[in-house]
Amino acid sequence: MRPAFRSLRAQLRHLLRARPLAAFAVFVAVTAATLLVARGIPQYRQNLALNLAAELVGTFMILFALTPIMRRAQESGVREHRRLDFDWYTDRV
């Protein structure tokens, strides 16, 4: 088999595990039930659009602003410079 096909099969196998599918099914069922109950609310479409837009903006802010900041914060630890001449550095300081 080609490596690309193996990789695709591994990704599909990972996606189709039981727990994520069960969690997704529960999420879909709760969402469908909520949407069915909310049908009678006046101006439902406008409220839904407003709320979805706010969630979308928040999601993009987290993905594009907060995630890189958190990634940099995790990486910023003590960095050692192996070729630093410590005696030379302390003389200069």
PDB file of N, CA and C in Angstrom:
ATOM      1  N   MET A   1       0.825  -1.188   0.000  1.00  0.00           N
ATOM      2  CA  MET A   1       0.000   0.000   0.000  1.00  0.00           C
ATOM      3  C   MET A   1       0.866   1.248   0.000  1.00  0.00           C
ATOM      4  N   ARG A   2       0.348   2.273  -0.599  1.00  0.00           N
ATOM      5  CA  ARG A   2       1.086   3.526  -0.619  1.00  0.00           C
ATOM      6  C   ARG A   2       1.013   4.199   0.747  1.00  0.00           C
ATOM      7  N   PRO A   3       2.057   4.961   1.104  1.00  0.00           N
ATOM      8  CA  PRO A   3       2.069   5.628   2.412  1.00  0.00           C
ATOM      9  C   PRO A   3       0.907   6.606   2.600  1.00  0.00           C
ATOM     10  N   ALA A   4       0.513   7.304   1.551  1.00  0.00           N
ATOM     11  CA  ALA A   4      -0.580   8.266   1.676  1.00  0.00           C
ATOM     12  C   ALA A   4      -1.888   7.558   2.002  1.00  0.00           C
ATOM     13  N   PHE A   5      -2.109   6.394   1.384  1.00  0.00           N
ATOM     14  CA  PHE A   5      -3.328   5.637   1.635  1.00  0.00           C
ATOM     15  C   PHE A   5      -3.338   5.095   3.054  1.00  0.00           C
ATOM     16  N   ARG A   6      -2.180   4.642   3.535  1.00  0.00           N
ATOM     17  CA  ARG A   6      -2.086   4.165   4.913  1.00  0.00           C
ATOM     18  C   ARG A   6      -2.397   5.288   5.898  1.00  0.00           C
ATOM     19  N   SER A   7      -1.864   6.463   5.605  1.00  0.00           N
ATOM     20  CA  SER A   7      -2.108   7.612   6.475  1.00  0.00           C
ATOM     21  C   SER A   7      -3.595   7.963   6.495  1.00  0.00           C
ATOM     22  N   LEU A   8      -4.237   7.932   5.351  1.00  0.00           N
ATOM     23  CA  LEU A   8      -5.661   8.227   5.272  1.00  0.00           C
ATOM     24  C   LEU A   8      -6.458   7.195   6.055  1.00  0.00           C
ATOM     25  N   ARG A   9      -6.090   5.933   5.926  1.00  0.00           N
ATOM     26  CA  ARG A   9      -6.790   4.871   6.672  1.00  0.00           C
ATOM     27  C   ARG A   9      -6.612   5.058   8.173  1.00  0.00           C
ATOM     28  N   ALA A  10      -5.408   5.425   8.595  1.00  0.00           N
ATOM     29  CA  ALA A  10      -5.159   5.634  10.026  1.00  0.00           C
ATOM     30  C   ALA A  10      -5.974   6.812  10.546  1.00  0.00           C
ATOM     31  N   GLN A  11      -6.074   7.866   9.769  1.00  0.00           N
ATOM     32  CA  GLN A  11      -6.855   9.024  10.189  1.00  0.00           C
ATOM     33  C   GLN A  11      -8.339   8.682  10.276  1.00  0.00           C
ATOM     34  N   LEU A  12      -8.836   7.926   9.301  1.00  0.00           N
ATOM     35  CA  LEU A  12     -10.241   7.523   9.345  1.00  0.00           C
ATOM     36  C   LEU A  12     -10.517   6.615  10.532  1.00  0.00           C
ATOM     37  N   ARG A  13      -9.607   5.702  10.807  1.00  0.00           N
ATOM     38  CA  ARG A  13      -9.765   4.805  11.945  1.00  0.00           C
ATOM     39  C   ARG A  13      -9.792   5.606  13.244  1.00  0.00           C
ATOM     40  N   HIS A  14      -8.945   6.628  13.335  1.00  0.00           N
ATOM     41  CA  HIS A  14      -8.915   7.470  14.524  1.00  0.00           C
ATOM     42  C   HIS A  14     -10.216   8.258  14.673  1.00  0.00           C
ATOM     43  N   LEU A  15     -10.746   8.767  13.571  1.00  0.00           N
ATOM     44  CA  LEU A  15     -11.968   9.562  13.623  1.00  0.00           C
ATOM     45  C   LEU A  15     -13.195   8.732  13.973  1.00  0.00           C
ATOM     46  N   LEU A  16     -13.167   7.470  13.616  1.00  0.00           N
ATOM     47  CA  LEU A  16     -14.349   6.636  13.792  1.00  0.00           C
ATOM     48  C   LEU A  16     -14.311   5.810  15.074  1.00  0.00           C
ATOM     49  N   ARG A  17     -13.599   6.242  16.057  1.00  0.00           N
ATOM     50  CA  ARG A  17     -13.600   5.538  17.334  1.00  0.00           C
ATOM     51  C   ARG A  17     -14.935   5.716  18.019  1.00  0.00           C
ATOM     52  N   ALA A  18     -15.231   4.867  18.977  1.00  0.00           N
ATOM     53  CA  ALA A  18     -16.559   4.832  19.597  1.00  0.00           C
ATOM     54  C   ALA A  18     -16.855   6.072  20.445  1.00  0.00           C
ATOM     55  N   ARG A  19     -15.939   6.496  21.273  1.00  0.00           N
ATOM     56  CA  ARG A  19     -16.216   7.624  22.165  1.00  0.00           C
ATOM     57  C   ARG A  19     -16.491   8.924  21.421  1.00  0.00           C
ATOM     58  N   PRO A  20     -15.652   9.313  20.467  1.00  0.00           N
ATOM     59  CA  PRO A  20     -15.975  10.560  19.757  1.00  0.00           C
ATOM     60  C   PRO A  20     -17.302  10.485  19.009  1.00  0.00           C
ATOM     61  N   LEU A  21     -17.599   9.319  18.428  1.00  0.00           N
ATOM     62  CA  LEU A  21     -18.874   9.189  17.722  1.00  0.00           C
ATOM     63  C   LEU A  21     -20.046   9.272  18.687  1.00  0.00           C
ATOM     64  N   ALA A  22     -19.921   8.664  19.848  1.00  0.00           N
ATOM     65  CA  ALA A  22     -20.991   8.730  20.841  1.00  0.00           C
ATOM     66  C   ALA A  22     -21.181  10.165  21.337  1.00  0.00           C
ATOM     67  N   ALA A  23     -20.088  10.858  21.599  1.00  0.00           N
ATOM     68  CA  ALA A  23     -20.174  12.248  22.046  1.00  0.00           C
ATOM     69  C   ALA A  23     -20.805  13.122  20.963  1.00  0.00           C
ATOM     70  N   PHE A  24     -20.427  12.884  19.725  1.00  0.00           N
ATOM     71  CA  PHE A  24     -20.993  13.646  18.615  1.00  0.00           C
ATOM     72  C   PHE A  24     -22.483  13.366  18.474  1.00  0.00           C
ATOM     73  N   ALA A  25     -22.896  12.105  18.624  1.00  0.00           N
ATOM     74  CA  ALA A  25     -24.309  11.738  18.519  1.00  0.00           C
ATOM     75  C   ALA A  25     -25.125  12.410  19.624  1.00  0.00           C
ATOM     76  N   VAL A  26     -24.591  12.439  20.837  1.00  0.00           N
ATOM     77  CA  VAL A  26     -25.288  13.105  21.938  1.00  0.00           C
ATOM     78  C   VAL A  26     -25.408  14.602  21.654  1.00  0.00           C
ATOM     79  N   PHE A  27     -24.334  15.197  21.166  1.00  0.00           N
ATOM     80  CA  PHE A  27     -24.351  16.626  20.833  1.00  0.00           C
ATOM     81  C   PHE A  27     -25.395  16.935  19.760  1.00  0.00           C
ATOM     82  N   VAL A  28     -25.458  16.106  18.734  1.00  0.00           N
ATOM     83  CA  VAL A  28     -26.431  16.312  17.658  1.00  0.00           C
ATOM     84  C   VAL A  28     -27.853  16.147  18.189  1.00  0.00           C
ATOM     85  N   ALA A  29     -28.081  15.159  19.040  1.00  0.00           N
ATOM     86  CA  ALA A  29     -29.419  14.937  19.585  1.00  0.00           C
ATOM     87  C   ALA A  29     -29.868  16.116  20.462  1.00  0.00           C
ATOM     88  N   VAL A  30     -28.984  16.605  21.305  1.00  0.00           N
ATOM     89  CA  VAL A  30     -29.328  17.741  22.163  1.00  0.00           C
ATOM     90  C   VAL A  30     -29.576  18.986  21.324  1.00  0.00           C
ATOM     91  N   THR A  31     -28.756  19.197  20.312  1.00  0.00           N
ATOM     92  CA  THR A  31     -28.933  20.356  19.429  1.00  0.00           C
ATOM     93  C   THR A  31     -30.258  20.276  18.686  1.00  0.00           C
ATOM     94  N   ALA A  32     -30.584  19.105  18.157  1.00  0.00           N
ATOM     95  CA  ALA A  32     -31.846  18.943  17.429  1.00  0.00           C
ATOM     96  C   ALA A  32     -33.037  19.169  18.353  1.00  0.00           C
ATOM     97  N   ALA A  33     -32.962  18.634  19.560  1.00  0.00           N
ATOM     98  CA  ALA A  33     -34.061  18.826  20.512  1.00  0.00           C
ATOM     99  C   ALA A  33     -34.220  20.302  20.869  1.00  0.00           C
ATOM    100  N   THR A  34     -33.129  20.984  21.074  1.00  0.00           N
ATOM    101  CA  THR A  34     -33.180  22.413  21.409  1.00  0.00           C
ATOM    102  C   THR A  34     -33.766  23.218  20.258  1.00  0.00           C
ATOM    103  N   LEU A  35     -33.371  22.908  19.040  1.00  0.00           N
ATOM    104  CA  LEU A  35     -33.905  23.627  17.882  1.00  0.00           C
ATOM    105  C   LEU A  35     -35.397  23.367  17.699  1.00  0.00           C
ATOM    106  N   LEU A  36     -35.839  22.153  17.959  1.00  0.00           N
ATOM    107  CA  LEU A  36     -37.261  21.843  17.834  1.00  0.00           C
ATOM    108  C   LEU A  36     -38.093  22.585  18.886  1.00  0.00           C
ATOM    109  N   VAL A  37     -37.591  22.648  20.097  1.00  0.00           N
ATOM    110  CA  VAL A  37     -38.310  23.343  21.164  1.00  0.00           C
ATOM    111  C   VAL A  37     -38.365  24.849  20.880  1.00  0.00           C
ATOM    112  N   ALA A  38     -37.323  25.389  20.286  1.00  0.00           N
ATOM    113  CA  ALA A  38     -37.218  26.842  20.081  1.00  0.00           C
ATOM    114  C   ALA A  38     -37.930  27.327  18.829  1.00  0.00           C
ATOM    115  N   ARG A  39     -38.597  26.445  18.100  1.00  0.00           N
ATOM    116  CA  ARG A  39     -39.264  26.874  16.868  1.00  0.00           C
ATOM    117  C   ARG A  39     -40.330  27.932  17.104  1.00  0.00           C
ATOM    118  N   GLY A  40     -41.013  27.864  18.220  1.00  0.00           N
ATOM    119  CA  GLY A  40     -42.118  28.784  18.471  1.00  0.00           C
ATOM    120  C   GLY A  40     -41.705  30.159  18.954  1.00  0.00           C
ATOM    121  N   ILE A  41     -40.447  30.372  19.178  1.00  0.00           N
ATOM    122  CA  ILE A  41     -39.975  31.667  19.677  1.00  0.00           C
ATOM    123  C   ILE A  41     -40.073  32.707  18.561  1.00  0.00           C
ATOM    124  N   PRO A  42     -40.673  33.878  18.855  1.00  0.00           N
ATOM    125  CA  PRO A  42     -40.737  34.914  17.822  1.00  0.00           C
ATOM    126  C   PRO A  42     -39.333  35.428  17.476  1.00  0.00           C
ATOM    127  N   GLN A  43     -39.135  35.764  16.248  1.00  0.00           N
ATOM    128  CA  GLN A  43     -37.852  36.247  15.720  1.00  0.00           C
ATOM    129  C   GLN A  43     -36.717  35.255  16.010  1.00  0.00           C
ATOM    130  N   TYR A  44     -37.033  33.989  15.866  1.00  0.00           N
ATOM    131  CA  TYR A  44     -36.065  32.937  16.166  1.00  0.00           C
ATOM    132  C   TYR A  44     -34.856  32.992  15.231  1.00  0.00           C
ATOM    133  N   ARG A  45     -35.107  33.176  13.954  1.00  0.00           N
ATOM    134  CA  ARG A  45     -34.001  33.186  12.983  1.00  0.00           C
ATOM    135  C   ARG A  45     -33.035  34.338  13.241  1.00  0.00           C
ATOM    136  N   GLN A  46     -33.566  35.496  13.566  1.00  0.00           N
ATOM    137  CA  GLN A  46     -32.696  36.642  13.820  1.00  0.00           C
ATOM    138  C   GLN A  46     -31.864  36.403  15.088  1.00  0.00           C
ATOM    139  N   ASN A  47     -32.492  35.874  16.123  1.00  0.00           N
ATOM    140  CA  ASN A  47     -31.756  35.589  17.357  1.00  0.00           C
ATOM    141  C   ASN A  47     -30.690  34.529  17.138  1.00  0.00           C
ATOM    142  N   LEU A  48     -31.041  33.493  16.376  1.00  0.00           N
ATOM    143  CA  LEU A  48     -30.074  32.434  16.082  1.00  0.00           C
ATOM    144  C   LEU A  48     -28.889  32.988  15.299  1.00  0.00           C
ATOM    145  N   ALA A  49     -29.160  33.819  14.293  1.00  0.00           N
ATOM    146  CA  ALA A  49     -28.078  34.399  13.497  1.00  0.00           C
ATOM    147  C   ALA A  49     -27.171  35.281  14.352  1.00  0.00           C
ATOM    148  N   LEU A  50     -27.758  36.059  15.231  1.00  0.00           N
ATOM    149  CA  LEU A  50     -26.972  36.928  16.104  1.00  0.00           C
ATOM    150  C   LEU A  50     -26.081  36.113  17.037  1.00  0.00           C
ATOM    151  N   ASN A  51     -26.648  35.082  17.642  1.00  0.00           N
ATOM    152  CA  ASN A  51     -25.872  34.255  18.561  1.00  0.00           C
ATOM    153  C   ASN A  51     -24.789  33.459  17.845  1.00  0.00           C
ATOM    154  N   LEU A  52     -25.093  32.931  16.672  1.00  0.00           N
ATOM    155  CA  LEU A  52     -24.082  32.189  15.922  1.00  0.00           C
ATOM    156  C   LEU A  52     -22.943  33.100  15.467  1.00  0.00           C
ATOM    157  N   ALA A  53     -23.283  34.333  15.084  1.00  0.00           N
ATOM    158  CA  ALA A  53     -22.243  35.278  14.674  1.00  0.00           C
ATOM    159  C   ALA A  53     -21.310  35.590  15.838  1.00  0.00           C
ATOM    160  N   ALA A  54     -21.868  35.778  17.026  1.00  0.00           N
ATOM    161  CA  ALA A  54     -21.038  36.057  18.199  1.00  0.00           C
ATOM    162  C   ALA A  54     -20.133  34.857  18.521  1.00  0.00           C
ATOM    163  N   GLU A  55     -20.673  33.653  18.409  1.00  0.00           N
ATOM    164  CA  GLU A  55     -19.865  32.458  18.661  1.00  0.00           C
ATOM    165  C   GLU A  55     -18.759  32.313  17.622  1.00  0.00           C
ATOM    166  N   LEU A  56     -19.074  32.634  16.377  1.00  0.00           N
ATOM    167  CA  LEU A  56     -18.077  32.535  15.310  1.00  0.00           C
ATOM    168  C   LEU A  56     -16.937  33.523  15.531  1.00  0.00           C
ATOM    169  N   VAL A  57     -17.280  34.740  15.917  1.00  0.00           N
ATOM    170  CA  VAL A  57     -16.244  35.740  16.188  1.00  0.00           C
ATOM    171  C   VAL A  57     -15.378  35.294  17.362  1.00  0.00           C
ATOM    172  N   GLY A  58     -15.999  34.781  18.411  1.00  0.00           N
ATOM    173  CA  GLY A  58     -15.238  34.290  19.563  1.00  0.00           C
ATOM    174  C   GLY A  58     -14.330  33.134  19.197  1.00  0.00           C
ATOM    175  N   THR A  59     -14.824  32.237  18.358  1.00  0.00           N
ATOM    176  CA  THR A  59     -14.011  31.101  17.922  1.00  0.00           C
ATOM    177  C   THR A  59     -12.794  31.568  17.137  1.00  0.00           C
ATOM    178  N   PHE A  60     -12.994  32.503  16.215  1.00  0.00           N
ATOM    179  CA  PHE A  60     -11.870  32.997  15.436  1.00  0.00           C
ATOM    180  C   PHE A  60     -10.857  33.733  16.310  1.00  0.00           C
ATOM    181  N   MET A  61     -11.357  34.453  17.295  1.00  0.00           N
ATOM    182  CA  MET A  61     -10.425  35.143  18.194  1.00  0.00           C
ATOM    183  C   MET A  61      -9.568  34.132  18.952  1.00  0.00           C
ATOM    184  N   ILE A  62     -10.181  33.071  19.416  1.00  0.00           N
ATOM    185  CA  ILE A  62      -9.420  32.055  20.143  1.00  0.00           C
ATOM    186  C   ILE A  62      -8.431  31.371  19.217  1.00  0.00           C
ATOM    187  N   LEU A  63      -8.876  31.004  18.016  1.00  0.00           N
ATOM    188  CA  LEU A  63      -7.993  30.280  17.100  1.00  0.00           C
ATOM    189  C   LEU A  63      -6.822  31.112  16.623  1.00  0.00           C
ATOM    190  N   PHE A  64      -7.078  32.364  16.273  1.00  0.00           N
ATOM    191  CA  PHE A  64      -6.039  33.159  15.643  1.00  0.00           C
ATOM    192  C   PHE A  64      -5.300  34.105  16.578  1.00  0.00           C
ATOM    193  N   ALA A  65      -5.833  34.377  17.741  1.00  0.00           N
ATOM    194  CA  ALA A  65      -5.153  35.299  18.652  1.00  0.00           C
ATOM    195  C   ALA A  65      -4.660  34.594  19.899  1.00  0.00           C
ATOM    196  N   LEU A  66      -5.537  33.886  20.558  1.00  0.00           N
ATOM    197  CA  LEU A  66      -5.181  33.313  21.842  1.00  0.00           C
ATOM    198  C   LEU A  66      -4.303  32.067  21.723  1.00  0.00           C
ATOM    199  N   THR A  67      -4.554  31.236  20.734  1.00  0.00           N
ATOM    200  CA  THR A  67      -3.785  29.998  20.584  1.00  0.00           C
ATOM    201  C   THR A  67      -2.298  30.269  20.363  1.00  0.00           C
ATOM    202  N   PRO A  68      -1.891  31.169  19.453  1.00  0.00           N
ATOM    203  CA  PRO A  68      -0.455  31.430  19.312  1.00  0.00           C
ATOM    204  C   PRO A  68       0.173  32.009  20.581  1.00  0.00           C
ATOM    205  N   ILE A  69      -0.583  32.832  21.295  1.00  0.00           N
ATOM    206  CA  ILE A  69      -0.052  33.396  22.541  1.00  0.00           C
ATOM    207  C   ILE A  69       0.189  32.294  23.557  1.00  0.00           C
ATOM    208  N   MET A  70      -0.755  31.387  23.684  1.00  0.00           N
ATOM    209  CA  MET A  70      -0.600  30.275  24.629  1.00  0.00           C
ATOM    210  C   MET A  70       0.538  29.349  24.210  1.00  0.00           C
ATOM    211  N   ARG A  71       0.684  29.132  22.918  1.00  0.00           N
ATOM    212  CA  ARG A  71       1.762  28.267  22.429  1.00  0.00           C
ATOM    213  C   ARG A  71       3.128  28.886  22.741  1.00  0.00           C
ATOM    214  N   ARG A  72       3.255  30.197  22.539  1.00  0.00           N
ATOM    215  CA  ARG A  72       4.522  30.867  22.865  1.00  0.00           C
ATOM    216  C   ARG A  72       4.792  30.841  24.353  1.00  0.00           C
ATOM    217  N   ALA A  73       3.751  30.987  25.150  1.00  0.00           N
ATOM    218  CA  ALA A  73       3.927  30.967  26.603  1.00  0.00           C
ATOM    219  C   ALA A  73       4.401  29.596  27.072  1.00  0.00           C
ATOM    220  N   GLN A  74       3.936  28.545  26.435  1.00  0.00           N
ATOM    221  CA  GLN A  74       4.381  27.208  26.803  1.00  0.00           C
ATOM    222  C   GLN A  74       5.830  26.978  26.407  1.00  0.00           C
ATOM    223  N   GLU A  75       6.246  27.544  25.292  1.00  0.00           N
ATOM    224  CA  GLU A  75       7.610  27.348  24.812  1.00  0.00           C
ATOM    225  C   GLU A  75       8.625  28.184  25.569  1.00  0.00           C
ATOM    226  N   SER A  76       8.183  29.297  26.154  1.00  0.00           N
ATOM    227  CA  SER A  76       9.137  30.209  26.777  1.00  0.00           C
ATOM    228  C   SER A  76       9.517  29.705  28.163  1.00  0.00           C
ATOM    229  N   GLY A  77      10.533  28.937  28.184  1.00  0.00           N
ATOM    230  CA  GLY A  77      11.109  28.480  29.438  1.00  0.00           C
ATOM    231  C   GLY A  77      12.532  29.004  29.505  1.00  0.00           C
ATOM    232  N   VAL A  78      13.342  28.345  30.232  1.00  0.00           N
ATOM    233  CA  VAL A  78      14.745  28.717  30.299  1.00  0.00           C
ATOM    234  C   VAL A  78      15.422  28.170  29.053  1.00  0.00           C
ATOM    235  N   ARG A  79      16.067  29.045  28.334  1.00  0.00           N
ATOM    236  CA  ARG A  79      16.792  28.627  27.131  1.00  0.00           C
ATOM    237  C   ARG A  79      18.283  28.718  27.401  1.00  0.00           C
ATOM    238  N   GLU A  80      18.948  27.644  27.173  1.00  0.00           N
ATOM    239  CA  GLU A  80      20.397  27.614  27.400  1.00  0.00           C
ATOM    240  C   GLU A  80      21.122  27.816  26.078  1.00  0.00           C
ATOM    241  N   HIS A  81      22.161  28.612  26.155  1.00  0.00           N
ATOM    242  CA  HIS A  81      23.019  28.814  24.988  1.00  0.00           C
ATOM    243  C   HIS A  81      24.293  28.009  25.243  1.00  0.00           C
ATOM    244  N   ARG A  82      24.437  26.935  24.523  1.00  0.00           N
ATOM    245  CA  ARG A  82      25.553  26.019  24.780  1.00  0.00           C
ATOM    246  C   ARG A  82      26.908  26.625  24.472  1.00  0.00           C
ATOM    247  N   ARG A  83      26.955  27.544  23.521  1.00  0.00           N
ATOM    248  CA  ARG A  83      28.252  28.119  23.136  1.00  0.00           C
ATOM    249  C   ARG A  83      28.535  29.447  23.818  1.00  0.00           C
ATOM    250  N   LEU A  84      27.768  29.806  24.824  1.00  0.00           N
ATOM    251  CA  LEU A  84      27.983  31.068  25.513  1.00  0.00           C
ATOM    252  C   LEU A  84      29.210  30.963  26.414  1.00  0.00           C
ATOM    253  N   ASP A  85      30.119  31.887  26.205  1.00  0.00           N
ATOM    254  CA  ASP A  85      31.299  31.956  27.066  1.00  0.00           C
ATOM    255  C   ASP A  85      30.894  32.729  28.310  1.00  0.00           C
ATOM    256  N   PHE A  86      30.637  32.030  29.393  1.00  0.00           N
ATOM    257  CA  PHE A  86      30.084  32.650  30.592  1.00  0.00           C
ATOM    258  C   PHE A  86      31.065  33.644  31.219  1.00  0.00           C
ATOM    259  N   ASP A  87      32.347  33.333  31.223  1.00  0.00           N
ATOM    260  CA  ASP A  87      33.337  34.258  31.785  1.00  0.00           C
ATOM    261  C   ASP A  87      33.365  35.562  30.999  1.00  0.00           C
ATOM    262  N   TRP A  88      33.344  35.471  29.690  1.00  0.00           N
ATOM    263  CA  TRP A  88      33.323  36.670  28.841  1.00  0.00           C
ATOM    264  C   TRP A  88      32.061  37.484  29.122  1.00  0.00           C
ATOM    265  N   TYR A  89      30.924  36.806  29.245  1.00  0.00           N
ATOM    266  CA  TYR A  89      29.656  37.489  29.485  1.00  0.00           C
ATOM    267  C   TYR A  89      29.661  38.209  30.831  1.00  0.00           C
ATOM    268  N   THR A  90      30.133  37.558  31.875  1.00  0.00           N
ATOM    269  CA  THR A  90      30.145  38.200  33.191  1.00  0.00           C
ATOM    270  C   THR A  90      31.135  39.363  33.240  1.00  0.00           C
ATOM    271  N   ASP A  91      32.245  39.281  32.483  1.00  0.00           N
ATOM    272  CA  ASP A  91      33.175  40.406  32.404  1.00  0.00           C
ATOM    273  C   ASP A  91      32.517  41.610  31.738  1.00  0.00           C
ATOM    274  N   ARG A  92      31.715  41.378  30.729  1.00  0.00           N
ATOM    275  CA  ARG A  92      31.050  42.467  30.020  1.00  0.00           C
ATOM    276  C   ARG A  92      29.921  43.074  30.826  1.00  0.00           C
ATOM    277  N   VAL A  93      29.245  42.263  31.614  1.00  0.00           N
ATOM    278  CA  VAL A  93      28.120  42.766  32.401  1.00  0.00           C
ATOM    279  C   VAL A  93      28.656  43.553  33.572  1.00  0.00           C
TER     280      VAL A  93
END
